[in-house]
């Protein structure tokens, strides 16, 4: 019997894309898709162990104080679950080690990076080795971009992908590793999932196709298992052709390109063939 897909979409303290991510999980065929406030986890009213697909939406966690998602990361690292005698980070690590999937988009990606969940080199999920900081343009970027997928990546969310077109909306999307050694290991292990690209799929550092100046045009990365994935562009914002900025001028399929990320996650959890 196929596994049931139980998705949790975390909200609260400044997130604002939880409805879109929940809708994406629904359209992708998840059996359950609950929007859960972070306080419900902290009070022990909801447990990550009841789910197998964690979605971390975009937004502005805690007003981006201390830098994007840093305050939110500190909450995960230092908060205790009421009545459970367990840290929230301990529950999160159990979720990961138990085979759960995590998708972080925009602010969710920033949270994963600041926590150390990505790239989590050598399986260390609590050591931050990269950051996402201010765009080189010095401004908030709200535009659509082309992304080239890395077919050698272990990412379970993007199997079968080539070039996709998603929107970005962020002020701190510039991906920077802490050292050349970290950058080289990310590349060597094929942990880069998406790079900013031209419409033909050639990676680019040119603005505005690369909207933030990220190192090596990196737009999204995964960990070595491929089950943890974060990206700055918003796949949940392209679920239907009417989301596309040129939907009245181009002959587009009904389904938006973003839905495939969620469908791949659902199929992976079910144990289906891609």
C-alpha atoms as a PDB file:
ATOM      1  CA  UNK A   1       0.000   0.000   0.000  1.00  0.00           C
ATOM      2  CA  UNK A   2       1.343   3.427  -0.956  1.00  0.00           C
ATOM      3  CA  UNK A   3       2.423   5.789   1.792  1.00  0.00           C
ATOM      4  CA  UNK A   4       0.050   8.592   2.693  1.00  0.00           C
ATOM      5  CA  UNK A   5       1.418  12.072   2.037  1.00  0.00           C
ATOM      6  CA  UNK A   6       0.957  14.299   5.074  1.00  0.00           C
ATOM      7  CA  UNK A   7       2.155  17.836   4.394  1.00  0.00           C
ATOM      8  CA  UNK A   8       2.646  20.512   7.017  1.00  0.00           C
ATOM      9  CA  UNK A   9       2.923  24.133   5.907  1.00  0.00           C
ATOM     10  CA  UNK A  10       4.483  26.240   8.642  1.00  0.00           C
ATOM     11  CA  UNK A  11       3.229  29.785   9.168  1.00  0.00           C
ATOM     12  CA  UNK A  12       3.504  32.664  11.632  1.00  0.00           C
ATOM     13  CA  UNK A  13       5.738  35.612  12.523  1.00  0.00           C
ATOM     14  CA  UNK A  14       5.808  37.105   9.033  1.00  0.00           C
ATOM     15  CA  UNK A  15       5.311  34.269   6.540  1.00  0.00           C
ATOM     16  CA  UNK A  16       2.844  35.152   3.791  1.00  0.00           C
ATOM     17  CA  UNK A  17       2.888  32.376   1.168  1.00  0.00           C
ATOM     18  CA  UNK A  18       1.404  29.532   3.209  1.00  0.00           C
ATOM     19  CA  UNK A  19      -1.935  29.477   1.351  1.00  0.00           C
ATOM     20  CA  UNK A  20      -0.219  29.062  -2.028  1.00  0.00           C
ATOM     21  CA  UNK A  21       2.016  26.257  -0.725  1.00  0.00           C
ATOM     22  CA  UNK A  22      -0.939  24.446   0.817  1.00  0.00           C
ATOM     23  CA  UNK A  23      -2.829  24.754  -2.478  1.00  0.00           C
ATOM     24  CA  UNK A  24       0.196  23.358  -4.336  1.00  0.00           C
ATOM     25  CA  UNK A  25       0.282  20.351  -1.982  1.00  0.00           C
ATOM     26  CA  UNK A  26      -3.436  19.829  -2.578  1.00  0.00           C
ATOM     27  CA  UNK A  27      -3.121  20.005  -6.373  1.00  0.00           C
ATOM     28  CA  UNK A  28      -0.117  17.646  -6.264  1.00  0.00           C
ATOM     29  CA  UNK A  29      -2.256  15.006  -4.547  1.00  0.00           C
ATOM     30  CA  UNK A  30      -1.217  15.182  -0.902  1.00  0.00           C
ATOM     31  CA  UNK A  31      -3.642  13.314   1.356  1.00  0.00           C
ATOM     32  CA  UNK A  32      -3.310  15.949   4.060  1.00  0.00           C
ATOM     33  CA  UNK A  33      -2.078  19.550   3.908  1.00  0.00           C
ATOM     34  CA  UNK A  34      -2.266  21.407   7.202  1.00  0.00           C
ATOM     35  CA  UNK A  35      -1.285  25.026   7.705  1.00  0.00           C
ATOM     36  CA  UNK A  36       0.256  25.088  11.189  1.00  0.00           C
ATOM     37  CA  UNK A  37       1.363  28.130  13.186  1.00  0.00           C
ATOM     38  CA  UNK A  38       4.844  27.910  14.703  1.00  0.00           C
ATOM     39  CA  UNK A  39       3.273  28.454  18.143  1.00  0.00           C
ATOM     40  CA  UNK A  40       1.368  25.177  17.743  1.00  0.00           C
ATOM     41  CA  UNK A  41       4.688  23.342  17.453  1.00  0.00           C
ATOM     42  CA  UNK A  42       6.176  25.226  20.385  1.00  0.00           C
ATOM     43  CA  UNK A  43       3.147  24.466  22.579  1.00  0.00           C
ATOM     44  CA  UNK A  44       3.159  20.799  21.591  1.00  0.00           C
ATOM     45  CA  UNK A  45      -0.298  21.036  19.994  1.00  0.00           C
ATOM     46  CA  UNK A  46       1.115  19.775  16.677  1.00  0.00           C
ATOM     47  CA  UNK A  47       4.097  17.492  16.149  1.00  0.00           C
ATOM     48  CA  UNK A  48       6.343  17.154  13.129  1.00  0.00           C
ATOM     49  CA  UNK A  49       6.270  13.391  13.659  1.00  0.00           C
ATOM     50  CA  UNK A  50       2.659  13.410  12.397  1.00  0.00           C
ATOM     51  CA  UNK A  51       3.852  14.535   8.937  1.00  0.00           C
ATOM     52  CA  UNK A  52       6.331  13.536   6.230  1.00  0.00           C
ATOM     53  CA  UNK A  53       6.537  16.686   4.071  1.00  0.00           C
ATOM     54  CA  UNK A  54       7.517  19.984   5.723  1.00  0.00           C
ATOM     55  CA  UNK A  55       6.935  23.173   3.723  1.00  0.00           C
ATOM     56  CA  UNK A  56       8.640  26.406   4.793  1.00  0.00           C
ATOM     57  CA  UNK A  57       6.965  29.284   2.909  1.00  0.00           C
ATOM     58  CA  UNK A  58       8.200  32.679   1.841  1.00  0.00           C
ATOM     59  CA  UNK A  59       7.617  35.908   3.702  1.00  0.00           C
ATOM     60  CA  UNK A  60       9.527  38.040   6.166  1.00  0.00           C
ATOM     61  CA  UNK A  61      10.142  36.041   9.339  1.00  0.00           C
ATOM     62  CA  UNK A  62      10.340  38.391  12.343  1.00  0.00           C
ATOM     63  CA  UNK A  63      10.655  41.363  10.014  1.00  0.00           C
ATOM     64  CA  UNK A  64      14.019  40.002   8.794  1.00  0.00           C
ATOM     65  CA  UNK A  65      15.588  41.322  12.013  1.00  0.00           C
ATOM     66  CA  UNK A  66      19.237  40.236  12.376  1.00  0.00           C
ATOM     67  CA  UNK A  67      19.129  39.396   8.654  1.00  0.00           C
ATOM     68  CA  UNK A  68      16.616  37.338   6.717  1.00  0.00           C
ATOM     69  CA  UNK A  69      15.273  34.431   8.827  1.00  0.00           C
ATOM     70  CA  UNK A  70      18.097  34.620  11.394  1.00  0.00           C
ATOM     71  CA  UNK A  71      15.723  35.305  14.286  1.00  0.00           C
ATOM     72  CA  UNK A  72      13.546  32.416  13.114  1.00  0.00           C
ATOM     73  CA  UNK A  73      16.591  30.142  13.008  1.00  0.00           C
ATOM     74  CA  UNK A  74      17.495  31.134  16.568  1.00  0.00           C
ATOM     75  CA  UNK A  75      13.962  30.221  17.650  1.00  0.00           C
ATOM     76  CA  UNK A  76      14.324  26.731  16.195  1.00  0.00           C
ATOM     77  CA  UNK A  77      17.759  26.265  17.733  1.00  0.00           C
ATOM     78  CA  UNK A  78      16.958  27.450  21.241  1.00  0.00           C
ATOM     79  CA  UNK A  79      13.211  27.032  21.901  1.00  0.00           C
ATOM     80  CA  UNK A  80      11.834  24.184  24.006  1.00  0.00           C
ATOM     81  CA  UNK A  81       8.538  22.464  23.208  1.00  0.00           C
ATOM     82  CA  UNK A  82       6.107  23.003  26.068  1.00  0.00           C
ATOM     83  CA  UNK A  83       5.522  19.868  28.121  1.00  0.00           C
ATOM     84  CA  UNK A  84       7.792  17.739  25.954  1.00  0.00           C
ATOM     85  CA  UNK A  85      11.222  18.295  27.543  1.00  0.00           C
ATOM     86  CA  UNK A  86      12.578  18.505  24.005  1.00  0.00           C
ATOM     87  CA  UNK A  87      14.083  21.280  21.919  1.00  0.00           C
ATOM     88  CA  UNK A  88      12.339  22.195  18.672  1.00  0.00           C
ATOM     89  CA  UNK A  89      15.569  21.562  16.767  1.00  0.00           C
ATOM     90  CA  UNK A  90      15.657  18.020  18.211  1.00  0.00           C
ATOM     91  CA  UNK A  91      12.206  17.317  16.832  1.00  0.00           C
ATOM     92  CA  UNK A  92      13.260  18.769  13.479  1.00  0.00           C
ATOM     93  CA  UNK A  93      16.344  16.536  13.349  1.00  0.00           C
ATOM     94  CA  UNK A  94      14.216  13.479  14.159  1.00  0.00           C
ATOM     95  CA  UNK A  95      11.942  14.440  11.263  1.00  0.00           C
ATOM     96  CA  UNK A  96      14.922  14.646   8.901  1.00  0.00           C
ATOM     97  CA  UNK A  97      16.583  11.455  10.091  1.00  0.00           C
ATOM     98  CA  UNK A  98      13.244   9.659   9.847  1.00  0.00           C
ATOM     99  CA  UNK A  99      13.131  10.298   6.094  1.00  0.00           C
ATOM    100  CA  UNK A 100      10.978  13.432   5.931  1.00  0.00           C
ATOM    101  CA  UNK A 101      11.107  15.868   3.022  1.00  0.00           C
ATOM    102  CA  UNK A 102      11.637  19.612   3.490  1.00  0.00           C
ATOM    103  CA  UNK A 103      10.989  22.309   0.903  1.00  0.00           C
ATOM    104  CA  UNK A 104      12.020  25.882   1.725  1.00  0.00           C
ATOM    105  CA  UNK A 105      11.051  28.698  -0.629  1.00  0.00           C
ATOM    106  CA  UNK A 106      12.482  32.223  -0.406  1.00  0.00           C
ATOM    107  CA  UNK A 107      12.285  33.017   3.327  1.00  0.00           C
ATOM    108  CA  UNK A 108      12.011  29.267   3.904  1.00  0.00           C
ATOM    109  CA  UNK A 109      15.281  28.770   2.005  1.00  0.00           C
ATOM    110  CA  UNK A 110      16.869  31.537   4.072  1.00  0.00           C
ATOM    111  CA  UNK A 111      15.691  29.764   7.229  1.00  0.00           C
ATOM    112  CA  UNK A 112      17.161  26.437   6.114  1.00  0.00           C
ATOM    113  CA  UNK A 113      20.509  28.067   5.322  1.00  0.00           C
ATOM    114  CA  UNK A 114      20.674  30.008   8.605  1.00  0.00           C
ATOM    115  CA  UNK A 115      19.790  26.836  10.557  1.00  0.00           C
ATOM    116  CA  UNK A 116      22.441  24.808   8.744  1.00  0.00           C
ATOM    117  CA  UNK A 117      19.941  22.406   7.140  1.00  0.00           C
ATOM    118  CA  UNK A 118      21.474  23.355   3.803  1.00  0.00           C
ATOM    119  CA  UNK A 119      23.880  22.409   2.454  1.00  0.00           C
ATOM    120  CA  UNK A 120      24.485  20.297   5.606  1.00  0.00           C
ATOM    121  CA  UNK A 121      27.835  19.038   4.342  1.00  0.00           C
ATOM    122  CA  UNK A 122      28.734  15.636   5.779  1.00  0.00           C
ATOM    123  CA  UNK A 123      25.325  15.450   7.437  1.00  0.00           C
ATOM    124  CA  UNK A 124      25.863  18.330   9.895  1.00  0.00           C
ATOM    125  CA  UNK A 125      22.418  19.960  10.046  1.00  0.00           C
ATOM    126  CA  UNK A 126      23.170  22.628  12.657  1.00  0.00           C
ATOM    127  CA  UNK A 127      26.314  24.284  11.276  1.00  0.00           C
ATOM    128  CA  UNK A 128      25.783  27.294   9.020  1.00  0.00           C
ATOM    129  CA  UNK A 129      28.294  27.297   6.169  1.00  0.00           C
ATOM    130  CA  UNK A 130      26.545  29.567   3.651  1.00  0.00           C
ATOM    131  CA  UNK A 131      24.309  32.613   3.752  1.00  0.00           C
ATOM    132  CA  UNK A 132      21.723  34.503   1.738  1.00  0.00           C
ATOM    133  CA  UNK A 133      22.322  38.218   1.950  1.00  0.00           C
ATOM    134  CA  UNK A 134      21.477  41.527   0.247  1.00  0.00           C
ATOM    135  CA  UNK A 135      21.007  41.552  -3.517  1.00  0.00           C
ATOM    136  CA  UNK A 136      23.869  43.144  -5.435  1.00  0.00           C
ATOM    137  CA  UNK A 137      21.341  45.515  -6.994  1.00  0.00           C
ATOM    138  CA  UNK A 138      20.741  47.066  -3.561  1.00  0.00           C
ATOM    139  CA  UNK A 139      16.992  46.758  -4.007  1.00  0.00           C
ATOM    140  CA  UNK A 140      14.075  44.376  -3.612  1.00  0.00           C
ATOM    141  CA  UNK A 141      13.720  42.295  -6.788  1.00  0.00           C
ATOM    142  CA  UNK A 142      10.257  41.358  -8.049  1.00  0.00           C
ATOM    143  CA  UNK A 143      10.505  39.714 -11.470  1.00  0.00           C
ATOM    144  CA  UNK A 144      10.369  36.396 -13.326  1.00  0.00           C
ATOM    145  CA  UNK A 145      13.578  34.468 -14.029  1.00  0.00           C
ATOM    146  CA  UNK A 146      14.712  31.412 -15.971  1.00  0.00           C
ATOM    147  CA  UNK A 147      16.357  28.583 -14.079  1.00  0.00           C
ATOM    148  CA  UNK A 148      18.499  25.737 -15.379  1.00  0.00           C
ATOM    149  CA  UNK A 149      18.200  22.480 -13.452  1.00  0.00           C
ATOM    150  CA  UNK A 150      21.230  20.327 -12.683  1.00  0.00           C
ATOM    151  CA  UNK A 151      20.389  16.828 -13.899  1.00  0.00           C
ATOM    152  CA  UNK A 152      23.239  15.403 -11.793  1.00  0.00           C
ATOM    153  CA  UNK A 153      21.727  16.729  -8.569  1.00  0.00           C
ATOM    154  CA  UNK A 154      20.331  14.160  -6.092  1.00  0.00           C
ATOM    155  CA  UNK A 155      17.317  16.455  -5.503  1.00  0.00           C
ATOM    156  CA  UNK A 156      14.105  14.388  -5.473  1.00  0.00           C
ATOM    157  CA  UNK A 157      11.964  17.467  -6.159  1.00  0.00           C
ATOM    158  CA  UNK A 158      13.372  18.286  -9.618  1.00  0.00           C
ATOM    159  CA  UNK A 159      13.815  14.979 -11.409  1.00  0.00           C
ATOM    160  CA  UNK A 160      13.058  15.365 -15.085  1.00  0.00           C
ATOM    161  CA  UNK A 161      13.534  19.164 -15.031  1.00  0.00           C
ATOM    162  CA  UNK A 162      15.439  21.218 -17.579  1.00  0.00           C
ATOM    163  CA  UNK A 163      14.688  24.957 -17.888  1.00  0.00           C
ATOM    164  CA  UNK A 164      11.852  26.491 -15.860  1.00  0.00           C
ATOM    165  CA  UNK A 165      10.443  29.987 -15.408  1.00  0.00           C
ATOM    166  CA  UNK A 166       9.521  31.133 -11.884  1.00  0.00           C
ATOM    167  CA  UNK A 167       9.020  34.489 -10.161  1.00  0.00           C
ATOM    168  CA  UNK A 168      11.364  35.928  -7.537  1.00  0.00           C
ATOM    169  CA  UNK A 169      10.488  38.502  -4.896  1.00  0.00           C
ATOM    170  CA  UNK A 170      13.237  39.100  -2.373  1.00  0.00           C
ATOM    171  CA  UNK A 171      15.726  41.602  -1.012  1.00  0.00           C
ATOM    172  CA  UNK A 172      18.244  39.092   0.353  1.00  0.00           C
ATOM    173  CA  UNK A 173      18.755  36.354  -2.215  1.00  0.00           C
ATOM    174  CA  UNK A 174      22.486  36.571  -2.802  1.00  0.00           C
ATOM    175  CA  UNK A 175      23.859  33.092  -2.028  1.00  0.00           C
ATOM    176  CA  UNK A 176      27.403  33.164  -0.614  1.00  0.00           C
ATOM    177  CA  UNK A 177      29.400  30.204   0.809  1.00  0.00           C
ATOM    178  CA  UNK A 178      31.645  30.969   3.777  1.00  0.00           C
ATOM    179  CA  UNK A 179      34.768  29.787   1.958  1.00  0.00           C
ATOM    180  CA  UNK A 180      36.123  28.545  -1.344  1.00  0.00           C
ATOM    181  CA  UNK A 181      36.350  25.047   0.171  1.00  0.00           C
ATOM    182  CA  UNK A 182      32.607  25.041   0.941  1.00  0.00           C
ATOM    183  CA  UNK A 183      31.811  26.334  -2.546  1.00  0.00           C
ATOM    184  CA  UNK A 184      33.950  23.621  -4.139  1.00  0.00           C
ATOM    185  CA  UNK A 185      32.345  20.875  -2.047  1.00  0.00           C
ATOM    186  CA  UNK A 186      28.844  22.045  -2.977  1.00  0.00           C
ATOM    187  CA  UNK A 187      29.823  21.882  -6.642  1.00  0.00           C
ATOM    188  CA  UNK A 188      31.688  18.568  -6.346  1.00  0.00           C
ATOM    189  CA  UNK A 189      28.718  16.876  -4.684  1.00  0.00           C
ATOM    190  CA  UNK A 190      26.263  18.353  -7.223  1.00  0.00           C
ATOM    191  CA  UNK A 191      24.212  20.006  -4.494  1.00  0.00           C
ATOM    192  CA  UNK A 192      23.353  22.948  -6.748  1.00  0.00           C
ATOM    193  CA  UNK A 193      19.836  22.243  -8.016  1.00  0.00           C
ATOM    194  CA  UNK A 194      18.996  25.437  -9.927  1.00  0.00           C
ATOM    195  CA  UNK A 195      21.074  28.230 -11.444  1.00  0.00           C
ATOM    196  CA  UNK A 196      19.859  31.532 -12.845  1.00  0.00           C
ATOM    197  CA  UNK A 197      19.945  31.242 -16.607  1.00  0.00           C
ATOM    198  CA  UNK A 198      19.093  32.709 -19.981  1.00  0.00           C
ATOM    199  CA  UNK A 199      15.909  31.517 -21.732  1.00  0.00           C
ATOM    200  CA  UNK A 200      18.123  28.999 -23.565  1.00  0.00           C
ATOM    201  CA  UNK A 201      19.381  27.549 -20.280  1.00  0.00           C
ATOM    202  CA  UNK A 202      22.880  29.060 -20.154  1.00  0.00           C
ATOM    203  CA  UNK A 203      23.844  30.059 -16.612  1.00  0.00           C
ATOM    204  CA  UNK A 204      24.345  33.786 -16.165  1.00  0.00           C
ATOM    205  CA  UNK A 205      25.751  36.290 -13.712  1.00  0.00           C
ATOM    206  CA  UNK A 206      24.226  39.172 -15.679  1.00  0.00           C
ATOM    207  CA  UNK A 207      21.560  41.335 -14.053  1.00  0.00           C
ATOM    208  CA  UNK A 208      18.554  41.125 -14.181  1.00  0.00           C
ATOM    209  CA  UNK A 209      18.541  37.481 -15.373  1.00  0.00           C
ATOM    210  CA  UNK A 210      20.568  36.810 -12.231  1.00  0.00           C
ATOM    211  CA  UNK A 211      18.580  39.099  -9.932  1.00  0.00           C
ATOM    212  CA  UNK A 212      20.861  39.059  -6.897  1.00  0.00           C
ATOM    213  CA  UNK A 213      24.457  38.241  -7.925  1.00  0.00           C
ATOM    214  CA  UNK A 214      24.563  34.808  -6.278  1.00  0.00           C
ATOM    215  CA  UNK A 215      27.856  32.914  -6.360  1.00  0.00           C
ATOM    216  CA  UNK A 216      28.032  30.694  -9.453  1.00  0.00           C
ATOM    217  CA  UNK A 217      24.468  31.844 -10.318  1.00  0.00           C
ATOM    218  CA  UNK A 218      23.064  29.563  -7.596  1.00  0.00           C
ATOM    219  CA  UNK A 219      19.294  29.841  -7.139  1.00  0.00           C
ATOM    220  CA  UNK A 220      18.648  26.657  -5.150  1.00  0.00           C
ATOM    221  CA  UNK A 221      20.517  23.833  -3.427  1.00  0.00           C
ATOM    222  CA  UNK A 222      19.773  20.504  -1.746  1.00  0.00           C
ATOM    223  CA  UNK A 223      21.504  18.353   0.842  1.00  0.00           C
ATOM    224  CA  UNK A 224      23.283  15.120  -0.008  1.00  0.00           C
ATOM    225  CA  UNK A 225      20.162  12.976   0.428  1.00  0.00           C
ATOM    226  CA  UNK A 226      18.213  15.148  -2.027  1.00  0.00           C
ATOM    227  CA  UNK A 227      15.298  15.256   0.446  1.00  0.00           C
ATOM    228  CA  UNK A 228      16.007  18.781   1.713  1.00  0.00           C
ATOM    229  CA  UNK A 229      15.681  21.479  -0.935  1.00  0.00           C
ATOM    230  CA  UNK A 230      15.641  25.257  -0.816  1.00  0.00           C
ATOM    231  CA  UNK A 231      15.345  27.872  -3.536  1.00  0.00           C
ATOM    232  CA  UNK A 232      14.785  31.609  -3.779  1.00  0.00           C
ATOM    233  CA  UNK A 233      12.268  31.613  -6.698  1.00  0.00           C
ATOM    234  CA  UNK A 234       8.632  30.746  -5.949  1.00  0.00           C
ATOM    235  CA  UNK A 235       7.305  27.544  -7.625  1.00  0.00           C
ATOM    236  CA  UNK A 236       4.063  27.826  -5.609  1.00  0.00           C
ATOM    237  CA  UNK A 237       3.381  31.097  -7.440  1.00  0.00           C
ATOM    238  CA  UNK A 238       3.161  29.306 -10.808  1.00  0.00           C
ATOM    239  CA  UNK A 239       0.539  26.575 -10.448  1.00  0.00           C
ATOM    240  CA  UNK A 240      -1.688  27.563 -13.370  1.00  0.00           C
ATOM    241  CA  UNK A 241      -1.107  29.209 -16.723  1.00  0.00           C
ATOM    242  CA  UNK A 242      -2.931  32.357 -15.555  1.00  0.00           C
ATOM    243  CA  UNK A 243      -0.102  32.944 -13.057  1.00  0.00           C
ATOM    244  CA  UNK A 244       2.293  33.470 -15.973  1.00  0.00           C
ATOM    245  CA  UNK A 245       2.911  37.154 -16.818  1.00  0.00           C
ATOM    246  CA  UNK A 246       2.252  36.496 -20.527  1.00  0.00           C
ATOM    247  CA  UNK A 247      -0.643  34.061 -20.219  1.00  0.00           C
ATOM    248  CA  UNK A 248      -2.862  36.122 -22.551  1.00  0.00           C
ATOM    249  CA  UNK A 249      -0.139  36.277 -25.236  1.00  0.00           C
ATOM    250  CA  UNK A 250       1.378  32.792 -25.204  1.00  0.00           C
ATOM    251  CA  UNK A 251      -0.065  29.342 -25.772  1.00  0.00           C
ATOM    252  CA  UNK A 252       0.642  27.755 -22.386  1.00  0.00           C
ATOM    253  CA  UNK A 253      -0.391  24.438 -20.825  1.00  0.00           C
ATOM    254  CA  UNK A 254      -3.055  24.682 -18.130  1.00  0.00           C
ATOM    255  CA  UNK A 255      -0.649  23.498 -15.432  1.00  0.00           C
ATOM    256  CA  UNK A 256       2.047  25.904 -14.279  1.00  0.00           C
ATOM    257  CA  UNK A 257       5.648  24.708 -14.112  1.00  0.00           C
ATOM    258  CA  UNK A 258       5.834  25.107 -10.340  1.00  0.00           C
ATOM    259  CA  UNK A 259       3.433  22.281  -9.582  1.00  0.00           C
ATOM    260  CA  UNK A 260       5.889  19.616 -10.751  1.00  0.00           C
ATOM    261  CA  UNK A 261       8.117  20.259  -7.714  1.00  0.00           C
ATOM    262  CA  UNK A 262       5.266  19.385  -5.352  1.00  0.00           C
ATOM    263  CA  UNK A 263       4.128  16.436  -7.463  1.00  0.00           C
ATOM    264  CA  UNK A 264       7.636  14.971  -7.427  1.00  0.00           C
ATOM    265  CA  UNK A 265       7.655  15.277  -3.634  1.00  0.00           C
ATOM    266  CA  UNK A 266       4.286  13.544  -3.349  1.00  0.00           C
ATOM    267  CA  UNK A 267       5.353  10.754  -5.705  1.00  0.00           C
ATOM    268  CA  UNK A 268       8.612  10.235  -3.824  1.00  0.00           C
ATOM    269  CA  UNK A 269       6.804   9.851  -0.508  1.00  0.00           C
ATOM    270  CA  UNK A 270       4.260   7.461  -2.022  1.00  0.00           C
ATOM    271  CA  UNK A 271       7.099   5.359  -3.354  1.00  0.00           C
ATOM    272  CA  UNK A 272       5.880   5.846  -6.933  1.00  0.00           C
ATOM    273  CA  UNK A 273       8.086   5.733 -10.005  1.00  0.00           C
ATOM    274  CA  UNK A 274       8.859   9.114 -11.514  1.00  0.00           C
END
